[in-house]
Protein backbone atom coordinates (compact mmCIF):
# COMPACT_ATOMS: atom_id res chain seq x y z
CA UNK A 1 93.58 82.53 105.52
CA UNK A 2 96.53 81.49 107.62
CA UNK A 3 99.99 82.37 106.27
CA UNK A 4 103.07 80.22 105.96
CA UNK A 5 104.83 81.66 108.95
CA UNK A 6 106.33 80.54 112.24
CA UNK A 7 105.02 82.48 115.15
CA UNK A 8 106.77 83.09 118.49
CA UNK A 9 105.31 81.07 121.31
CA UNK A 10 106.19 78.50 123.96
CA UNK A 11 107.12 75.75 121.53
CA UNK A 12 109.50 77.69 119.29
CA UNK A 13 110.68 80.94 120.86
CA UNK A 14 111.66 83.55 118.29
CA UNK A 15 114.64 85.59 119.47
CA UNK A 16 115.31 88.94 117.83
CA UNK A 17 118.86 88.95 116.45
CA UNK A 18 119.69 92.04 114.42
CA UNK A 19 123.20 92.07 113.01
CA UNK A 20 123.22 95.77 112.29
CA UNK A 21 121.87 97.00 115.63
CA UNK A 22 123.59 100.06 117.14
CA UNK A 23 126.10 99.29 119.86
CA UNK A 24 125.26 99.46 123.54
CA UNK A 25 127.57 102.45 123.94
CA UNK A 26 125.85 104.28 121.11
CA UNK A 27 122.44 103.54 122.59
CA UNK A 28 123.52 104.90 125.95
CA UNK A 29 125.13 107.92 124.36
CA UNK A 30 121.90 108.75 122.57
CA UNK A 31 120.32 109.80 125.84
CA UNK A 32 123.36 111.70 127.19
CA UNK A 33 123.51 115.50 127.23
CA UNK A 34 125.64 116.91 124.36
CA UNK A 35 128.34 118.15 126.75
CA UNK A 36 128.77 114.68 128.24
CA UNK A 37 128.79 113.02 124.82
CA UNK A 38 131.43 115.48 123.58
CA UNK A 39 133.57 114.84 126.64
CA UNK A 40 133.39 111.10 125.97
CA UNK A 41 134.41 111.64 122.35
CA UNK A 42 137.41 113.76 123.39
CA UNK A 43 138.51 111.05 125.82
CA UNK A 44 138.84 108.47 123.01
CA UNK A 45 142.27 108.36 121.39
CA UNK A 46 142.70 108.82 117.61
CA UNK A 47 144.23 105.34 117.52
CA UNK A 48 141.08 103.82 119.06
CA UNK A 49 138.91 105.60 116.49
CA UNK A 50 141.14 104.46 113.63
CA UNK A 51 141.11 100.90 114.96
CA UNK A 52 137.31 100.98 115.14
CA UNK A 53 136.99 102.24 111.57
CA UNK A 54 139.34 99.53 110.29
CA UNK A 55 137.39 96.80 112.09
CA UNK A 56 134.11 98.28 110.89
CA UNK A 57 135.28 98.13 107.28
CA UNK A 58 136.39 94.51 107.73
CA UNK A 59 133.02 93.67 109.22
CA UNK A 60 131.10 95.43 106.46
CA UNK A 61 133.07 93.68 103.72
CA UNK A 62 132.60 90.25 105.34
CA UNK A 63 128.94 90.91 105.95
CA UNK A 64 128.38 92.08 102.37
CA UNK A 65 129.94 88.90 101.00
CA UNK A 66 127.78 86.80 103.30
CA UNK A 67 124.63 88.71 102.38
CA UNK A 68 125.28 88.02 98.71
CA UNK A 69 125.46 84.26 99.36
CA UNK A 70 122.52 84.31 101.77
CA UNK A 71 120.38 86.35 99.41
CA UNK A 72 120.95 83.85 96.61
CA UNK A 73 120.13 80.96 98.94
CA UNK A 74 116.85 82.41 100.19
CA UNK A 75 115.86 83.43 96.66
CA UNK A 76 116.29 79.76 95.72
CA UNK A 77 114.14 78.73 98.70
CA UNK A 78 111.37 81.06 97.49
CA UNK A 79 111.67 79.84 93.89
CA UNK A 80 111.41 76.20 94.94
CA UNK A 81 108.40 76.98 97.12
CA UNK A 82 106.60 78.58 94.18
CA UNK A 83 107.40 75.54 92.06
CA UNK A 84 106.00 73.17 94.71
CA UNK A 85 102.84 75.21 95.05
CA UNK A 86 102.29 75.13 91.30
CA UNK A 87 102.90 71.38 91.12
CA UNK A 88 100.56 70.79 94.03
CA UNK A 89 97.83 72.79 92.32
CA UNK A 90 98.32 70.71 89.18
CA UNK A 91 98.45 67.47 91.20
CA UNK A 92 101.99 66.75 90.00
CA UNK A 93 104.21 64.64 92.26
CA UNK A 94 106.76 66.58 94.30
CA UNK A 95 110.29 65.18 94.44
CA UNK A 96 113.56 65.98 96.19
CA UNK A 97 114.49 68.22 93.26
CA UNK A 98 111.71 70.57 94.35
CA UNK A 99 113.55 71.45 97.57
CA UNK A 100 116.83 73.19 98.34
CA UNK A 101 118.90 70.39 99.88
CA UNK A 102 121.79 72.50 101.19
CA UNK A 103 121.66 74.10 104.62
CA UNK A 104 121.60 77.93 104.76
CA UNK A 105 124.91 79.78 104.78
CA UNK A 106 126.10 80.83 108.24
CA UNK A 107 127.91 84.10 108.89
CA UNK A 108 131.35 83.32 110.35
CA UNK A 109 133.08 86.66 109.87
CA UNK A 110 134.06 89.26 112.46
CA UNK A 111 131.43 90.74 114.74
CA UNK A 112 130.33 94.33 114.32
CA UNK A 113 132.77 96.40 116.41
CA UNK A 114 131.57 98.65 119.21
CA UNK A 115 131.77 102.30 118.29
CA UNK A 116 133.86 104.13 120.91
CA UNK A 117 132.38 107.48 119.90
CA UNK A 118 128.69 108.44 119.80
CA UNK A 119 128.57 109.32 116.11
CA UNK A 120 126.10 111.91 114.87
CA UNK A 121 123.87 109.44 113.08
CA UNK A 122 123.82 107.20 116.15
CA UNK A 123 123.23 110.09 118.54
CA UNK A 124 119.56 110.47 117.69
CA UNK A 125 117.15 109.21 120.33
CA UNK A 126 115.80 105.74 119.55
CA UNK A 127 112.04 105.55 119.07
CA UNK A 128 110.35 103.91 122.04
CA UNK A 129 109.81 100.17 121.65
CA UNK A 130 106.22 99.27 120.97
CA UNK A 131 104.89 97.36 123.93
CA UNK A 132 103.09 94.07 123.32
CA UNK A 133 99.60 94.12 124.85
CA UNK A 134 98.91 91.65 127.66
CA UNK A 135 95.81 89.93 129.02
CA UNK A 136 94.84 92.94 131.14
CA UNK A 137 94.88 95.11 128.01
CA UNK A 138 92.59 92.70 126.14
CA UNK A 139 90.11 92.63 129.03
CA UNK A 140 90.15 96.43 129.32
CA UNK A 141 89.57 96.78 125.58
CA UNK A 142 86.57 94.45 125.73
CA UNK A 143 85.04 96.57 128.49
CA UNK A 144 85.69 99.83 126.63
CA UNK A 145 84.75 98.71 123.12
CA UNK A 146 81.88 96.30 123.81
CA UNK A 147 80.94 96.85 127.46
CA UNK A 148 81.77 93.20 127.99
CA UNK A 149 83.86 91.23 130.47
CA UNK A 150 84.79 87.65 129.57
CA UNK A 151 83.31 85.04 131.89
CA UNK A 152 86.30 83.47 133.59
CA UNK A 153 86.13 79.87 134.83
CA UNK A 154 85.85 79.23 138.57
CA UNK A 155 89.10 77.27 138.30
CA UNK A 156 91.44 75.79 135.73
CA UNK A 157 89.78 72.39 135.55
CA UNK A 158 86.46 74.03 134.62
CA UNK A 159 88.05 75.52 131.51
CA UNK A 160 89.78 72.23 130.72
CA UNK A 161 86.48 70.36 130.93
CA UNK A 162 84.80 72.90 128.63
CA UNK A 163 87.68 72.64 126.16
CA UNK A 164 87.75 68.84 126.23
CA UNK A 165 83.99 68.60 125.77
CA UNK A 166 83.90 70.93 122.77
CA UNK A 167 87.13 69.62 121.20
CA UNK A 168 86.01 66.00 121.35
CA UNK A 169 82.60 66.85 119.88
CA UNK A 170 84.28 68.79 117.08
CA UNK A 171 86.49 65.86 116.14
CA UNK A 172 89.84 66.41 117.85
CA UNK A 173 91.30 63.35 119.54
CA UNK A 174 92.55 63.43 123.16
CA UNK A 175 96.04 62.59 121.85
CA UNK A 176 96.05 65.60 119.54
CA UNK A 177 94.65 68.05 122.09
CA UNK A 178 96.77 66.96 125.05
CA UNK A 179 100.07 66.66 123.21
CA UNK A 180 99.68 70.00 121.40
CA UNK A 181 98.79 71.60 124.75
CA UNK A 182 101.90 69.96 126.25
CA UNK A 183 104.10 71.37 123.53
CA UNK A 184 102.56 74.83 123.39
CA UNK A 185 102.43 75.49 127.14
CA UNK A 186 105.13 73.20 128.47
CA UNK A 187 102.52 70.94 130.04
CA UNK A 188 101.63 73.37 132.80
CA UNK A 189 99.97 76.35 131.10
CA UNK A 190 96.71 77.89 132.23
CA UNK A 191 93.86 79.00 129.98
CA UNK A 192 95.09 82.62 130.23
CA UNK A 193 98.85 82.03 130.02
CA UNK A 194 100.63 84.41 127.63
CA UNK A 195 103.85 83.68 125.77
CA UNK A 196 106.88 85.21 127.47
CA UNK A 197 105.39 85.91 130.88
CA UNK A 198 104.88 82.37 132.04
CA UNK A 199 106.90 81.04 134.97
CA UNK A 200 107.71 84.52 136.24
CA UNK A 201 108.77 86.04 132.93
CA UNK A 202 108.66 89.83 132.92
CA UNK A 203 107.60 90.72 129.38
CA UNK A 204 105.30 89.21 126.77
CA UNK A 205 107.10 88.17 123.58
CA UNK A 206 103.87 87.84 121.61
CA UNK A 207 100.11 88.09 122.03
CA UNK A 208 99.80 84.28 122.04
CA UNK A 209 97.39 83.19 124.79
CA UNK A 210 96.00 79.93 126.08
CA UNK A 211 96.30 76.21 125.50
CA UNK A 212 97.07 76.48 121.78
CA UNK A 213 98.66 79.93 121.94
CA UNK A 214 96.36 82.06 119.79
CA UNK A 215 97.72 85.36 118.54
CA UNK A 216 95.40 88.34 118.24
CA UNK A 217 95.42 87.77 114.49
CA UNK A 218 94.43 84.12 114.97
CA UNK A 219 91.42 85.21 117.01
CA UNK A 220 90.32 87.80 114.45
CA UNK A 221 90.75 85.31 111.61
CA UNK A 222 88.90 82.51 113.40
CA UNK A 223 86.00 84.82 114.19
CA UNK A 224 85.86 85.94 110.56
CA UNK A 225 86.00 82.41 109.16
CA UNK A 226 84.29 80.34 111.87
CA UNK A 227 82.15 82.98 113.56
CA UNK A 228 78.93 81.46 112.25
CA UNK A 229 79.77 78.25 114.11
CA UNK A 230 80.50 80.13 117.35
CA UNK A 231 77.26 82.10 117.08
CA UNK A 232 75.25 78.93 116.36
CA UNK A 233 76.75 77.11 119.35
CA UNK A 234 76.22 80.02 121.71
CA UNK A 235 72.65 80.50 120.48
CA UNK A 236 71.92 76.90 121.46
CA UNK A 237 73.40 77.49 124.89
CA UNK A 238 71.26 80.59 125.38
CA UNK A 239 68.16 78.54 124.60
CA UNK A 240 69.18 76.00 127.23
CA UNK A 241 69.78 78.65 129.92
CA UNK A 242 67.26 80.30 132.23
CA UNK A 243 67.08 82.90 134.96
CA UNK A 244 69.77 85.57 135.53
CA UNK A 245 72.36 83.46 133.75
CA UNK A 246 70.35 83.68 130.53
CA UNK A 247 70.51 87.47 130.48
CA UNK A 248 74.30 87.36 130.79
CA UNK A 249 74.49 84.72 128.05
CA UNK A 250 72.26 86.80 125.75
CA UNK A 251 74.58 89.78 126.24
CA UNK A 252 77.58 87.58 125.44
CA UNK A 253 75.87 86.37 122.26
CA UNK A 254 75.08 89.94 121.19
CA UNK A 255 78.72 90.96 121.75
CA UNK A 256 79.99 87.92 119.86
CA UNK A 257 77.80 88.80 116.87
CA UNK A 258 79.22 92.34 116.86
CA UNK A 259 82.77 91.00 117.04
CA UNK A 260 82.19 88.59 114.18
CA UNK A 261 80.73 91.42 112.08
CA UNK A 262 83.79 93.56 112.87
CA UNK A 263 86.23 90.85 111.78
CA UNK A 264 84.41 90.55 108.45
CA UNK A 265 84.86 94.19 107.51
CA UNK A 266 88.05 93.33 105.61
CA UNK A 267 88.93 90.67 103.02
CA UNK A 268 89.71 87.16 104.29
CA UNK A 269 93.44 87.79 104.28
CA UNK A 270 96.02 87.33 107.05
CA UNK A 271 97.57 90.78 106.57
CA UNK A 272 94.17 92.46 106.66
CA UNK A 273 93.24 90.52 109.77
CA UNK A 274 96.56 91.47 111.39
CA UNK A 275 95.76 95.15 110.91
CA UNK A 276 92.36 94.69 112.56
CA UNK A 277 93.94 92.67 115.37
CA UNK A 278 96.24 95.57 116.27
CA UNK A 279 93.36 97.89 117.15
CA UNK A 280 91.36 98.32 120.37
CA UNK A 281 88.47 96.38 118.83
CA UNK A 282 90.86 93.62 117.77
CA UNK A 283 92.27 93.42 121.29
CA UNK A 284 88.70 93.22 122.59
CA UNK A 285 88.01 90.23 120.33
CA UNK A 286 91.09 88.51 121.73
CA UNK A 287 89.62 88.79 125.24
CA UNK A 288 87.11 86.10 124.17
CA UNK A 289 89.97 83.58 124.41
CA UNK A 290 89.52 83.89 128.19
CA UNK A 291 85.78 83.29 128.17
CA UNK A 292 84.73 79.86 129.47
CA UNK A 293 82.16 79.48 126.67
CA UNK A 294 83.83 81.04 123.64
CA UNK A 295 87.47 80.43 124.59
CA UNK A 296 87.29 76.63 124.15
CA UNK A 297 85.72 77.13 120.71
CA UNK A 298 88.58 79.38 119.61
CA UNK A 299 91.23 77.02 121.01
CA UNK A 300 89.60 74.04 119.31
CA UNK A 301 89.22 75.67 115.90
CA UNK A 302 92.84 76.83 115.99
CA UNK A 303 93.67 73.13 115.53
CA UNK A 304 90.55 71.94 113.76
CA UNK A 305 91.09 74.20 110.76
CA UNK A 306 94.34 72.32 110.10
CA UNK A 307 92.61 68.94 110.37
CA UNK A 308 89.93 70.10 107.93
CA UNK A 309 92.55 71.56 105.57
CA UNK A 310 94.44 68.26 105.40
CA UNK A 311 91.22 66.28 104.90
CA UNK A 312 90.13 68.60 102.09
CA UNK A 313 93.47 67.96 100.38
CA UNK A 314 92.76 64.23 100.43
CA UNK A 315 94.90 63.37 103.49
CA UNK A 316 92.62 60.82 105.12
CA UNK A 317 94.69 59.27 107.91
CA UNK A 318 94.57 61.06 111.29
CA UNK A 319 97.29 63.66 111.82
CA UNK A 320 99.68 62.84 114.62
CA UNK A 321 99.98 65.51 117.28
CA UNK A 322 103.45 66.46 116.00
CA UNK A 323 102.17 66.78 112.44
CA UNK A 324 99.23 68.86 113.63
CA UNK A 325 101.65 71.06 115.56
CA UNK A 326 103.67 71.69 112.39
CA UNK A 327 100.51 72.98 110.72
CA UNK A 328 99.53 74.89 113.85
CA UNK A 329 102.88 76.65 113.98
CA UNK A 330 103.76 77.21 110.35
CA UNK A 331 100.38 77.60 108.70
CA UNK A 332 98.34 74.95 106.96
CA UNK A 333 99.98 75.09 103.53
CA UNK A 334 103.56 74.89 104.80
CA UNK A 335 102.71 72.35 107.48
CA UNK A 336 100.88 70.17 104.98
CA UNK A 337 104.01 70.20 102.81
CA UNK A 338 105.96 68.65 105.70
CA UNK A 339 103.21 66.29 106.82
CA UNK A 340 102.77 64.68 103.40
CA UNK A 341 106.50 64.29 102.76
CA UNK A 342 107.67 60.65 102.53
CA UNK A 343 109.85 59.53 105.44
CA UNK A 344 112.93 59.05 103.26
CA UNK A 345 112.71 62.66 102.09
CA UNK A 346 112.20 64.01 105.61
CA UNK A 347 115.75 63.00 106.50
CA UNK A 348 117.19 65.00 103.60
CA UNK A 349 115.09 68.16 103.35
CA UNK A 350 116.29 71.13 105.44
CA UNK A 351 113.75 72.94 107.60
CA UNK A 352 114.77 76.20 105.91
CA UNK A 353 112.54 75.22 102.99
CA UNK A 354 109.50 76.04 105.11
CA UNK A 355 110.51 79.43 106.46
CA UNK A 356 110.98 82.99 105.43
CA UNK A 357 114.57 83.99 106.15
CA UNK A 358 113.76 86.22 109.14
CA UNK A 359 111.59 83.58 110.79
CA UNK A 360 114.24 80.91 110.33
CA UNK A 361 117.13 82.97 111.68
CA UNK A 362 115.10 83.89 114.78
CA UNK A 363 114.16 80.28 115.46
CA UNK A 364 116.93 78.41 117.27
CA UNK A 365 114.98 75.13 117.36
CA UNK A 366 114.56 74.99 113.58
CA UNK A 367 118.22 75.95 113.11
CA UNK A 368 119.50 73.23 115.45
CA UNK A 369 117.07 70.56 114.27
CA UNK A 370 117.63 71.39 110.65
CA UNK A 371 115.79 68.70 108.73
CA UNK A 372 112.10 67.86 108.66
CA UNK A 373 112.76 64.53 110.37
CA UNK A 374 114.75 66.16 113.18
CA UNK A 375 112.17 68.91 113.70
CA UNK A 376 109.33 66.39 113.99
CA UNK A 377 111.45 64.24 116.29
CA UNK A 378 112.24 67.05 118.73
CA UNK A 379 108.59 68.09 118.70
CA UNK A 380 107.59 64.56 119.66
CA UNK A 381 110.26 64.44 122.35
CA UNK A 382 108.99 67.64 123.94
CA UNK A 383 105.43 66.38 123.77
CA UNK A 384 106.46 63.10 125.44
CA UNK A 385 108.28 64.89 128.23
CA UNK A 386 105.69 67.59 128.87
CA UNK A 387 102.75 65.20 128.74
CA UNK A 388 103.83 63.93 132.16
CA UNK A 389 103.46 67.36 133.77
CA UNK A 390 100.46 68.24 135.98
CA UNK A 391 98.54 70.43 133.53
CA UNK A 392 98.76 67.88 130.73
CA UNK A 393 97.74 65.03 133.02
CA UNK A 394 94.76 67.05 134.23
CA UNK A 395 93.67 67.81 130.67
CA UNK A 396 94.00 64.13 129.71
CA UNK A 397 91.88 63.13 132.70
CA UNK A 398 88.89 65.24 131.65
CA UNK A 399 88.72 64.02 128.04
């Protein structure tokens, strides 16, 4: 069950901005020997310390006042969301009154001052940052946990053909698949591209991989919910295979069945799936995104679940690629809220209505394009631009 969250990826990059983070000087001081830290403290004048404390108090007072306003605003966002959900369940029409129509408050006070002295509470070593696993980690986990190595395509176009073939048969249109790919990968992404380390980037910013940027939790959830479909499809392919290739395909099918069983050991809940995803077995499941047989199924169903969700709600016209992307990024329930909104309301409703506070404040695109209409427009603009890039053109050519 997909949550109503925005995830970090190529399309909307979430940047960590923590107002109360320790200063750079304090972070550096935390790893200094005590004698050096004491010498630094003695070198700072009493006036500098007093000035810092005065500025810190000003900052804390301004921040406290802002937090009071912001807290009230985001409480109202949550209250309105609950009201909309209840009305939707009861098939009651949703109106402008069911949204917060003001933009979120913005902090405009003084910045947190830099502490000139490594204070005791800031002198403790910071815990090491948890590293985000990368493709090599997923592949290694698959080998260790399931004695399996995903079957990589001979080249990029082979994976694109496999994806296009399965996606079209499943009901996705070329326009949906190509434009979402263009948005999610910038129009150039490979089947194994990972968010944050594309185009020479040095560090992954999430576990999102591939054409539609699946997180580890997405993979676990799709296997739990759609695993029967993957097993059925792969069983048919085994029956159509012969010789040495059949033995390899039979092993892949056996591994897939084990993975599906693993993902179903917890309730069908995003949080439960997230906990499974952050284990060696969960990483191993995510390696299937790279497999030329199973990977296209996972990428397709990442989008298809949103199409099915909208259809089940009675939304019968085809979703545009931008509308599908809203559901892909924010979760089906939240995305559906935006997709079904009348055009006149889209110009008035702030994007903040569809976010948790932390996700909104870390999302510069949603902040800048701060109404539903503007967010859909910029999504379409990026799709238009990126659809002319080589990877998108190649994908379009094989549909």
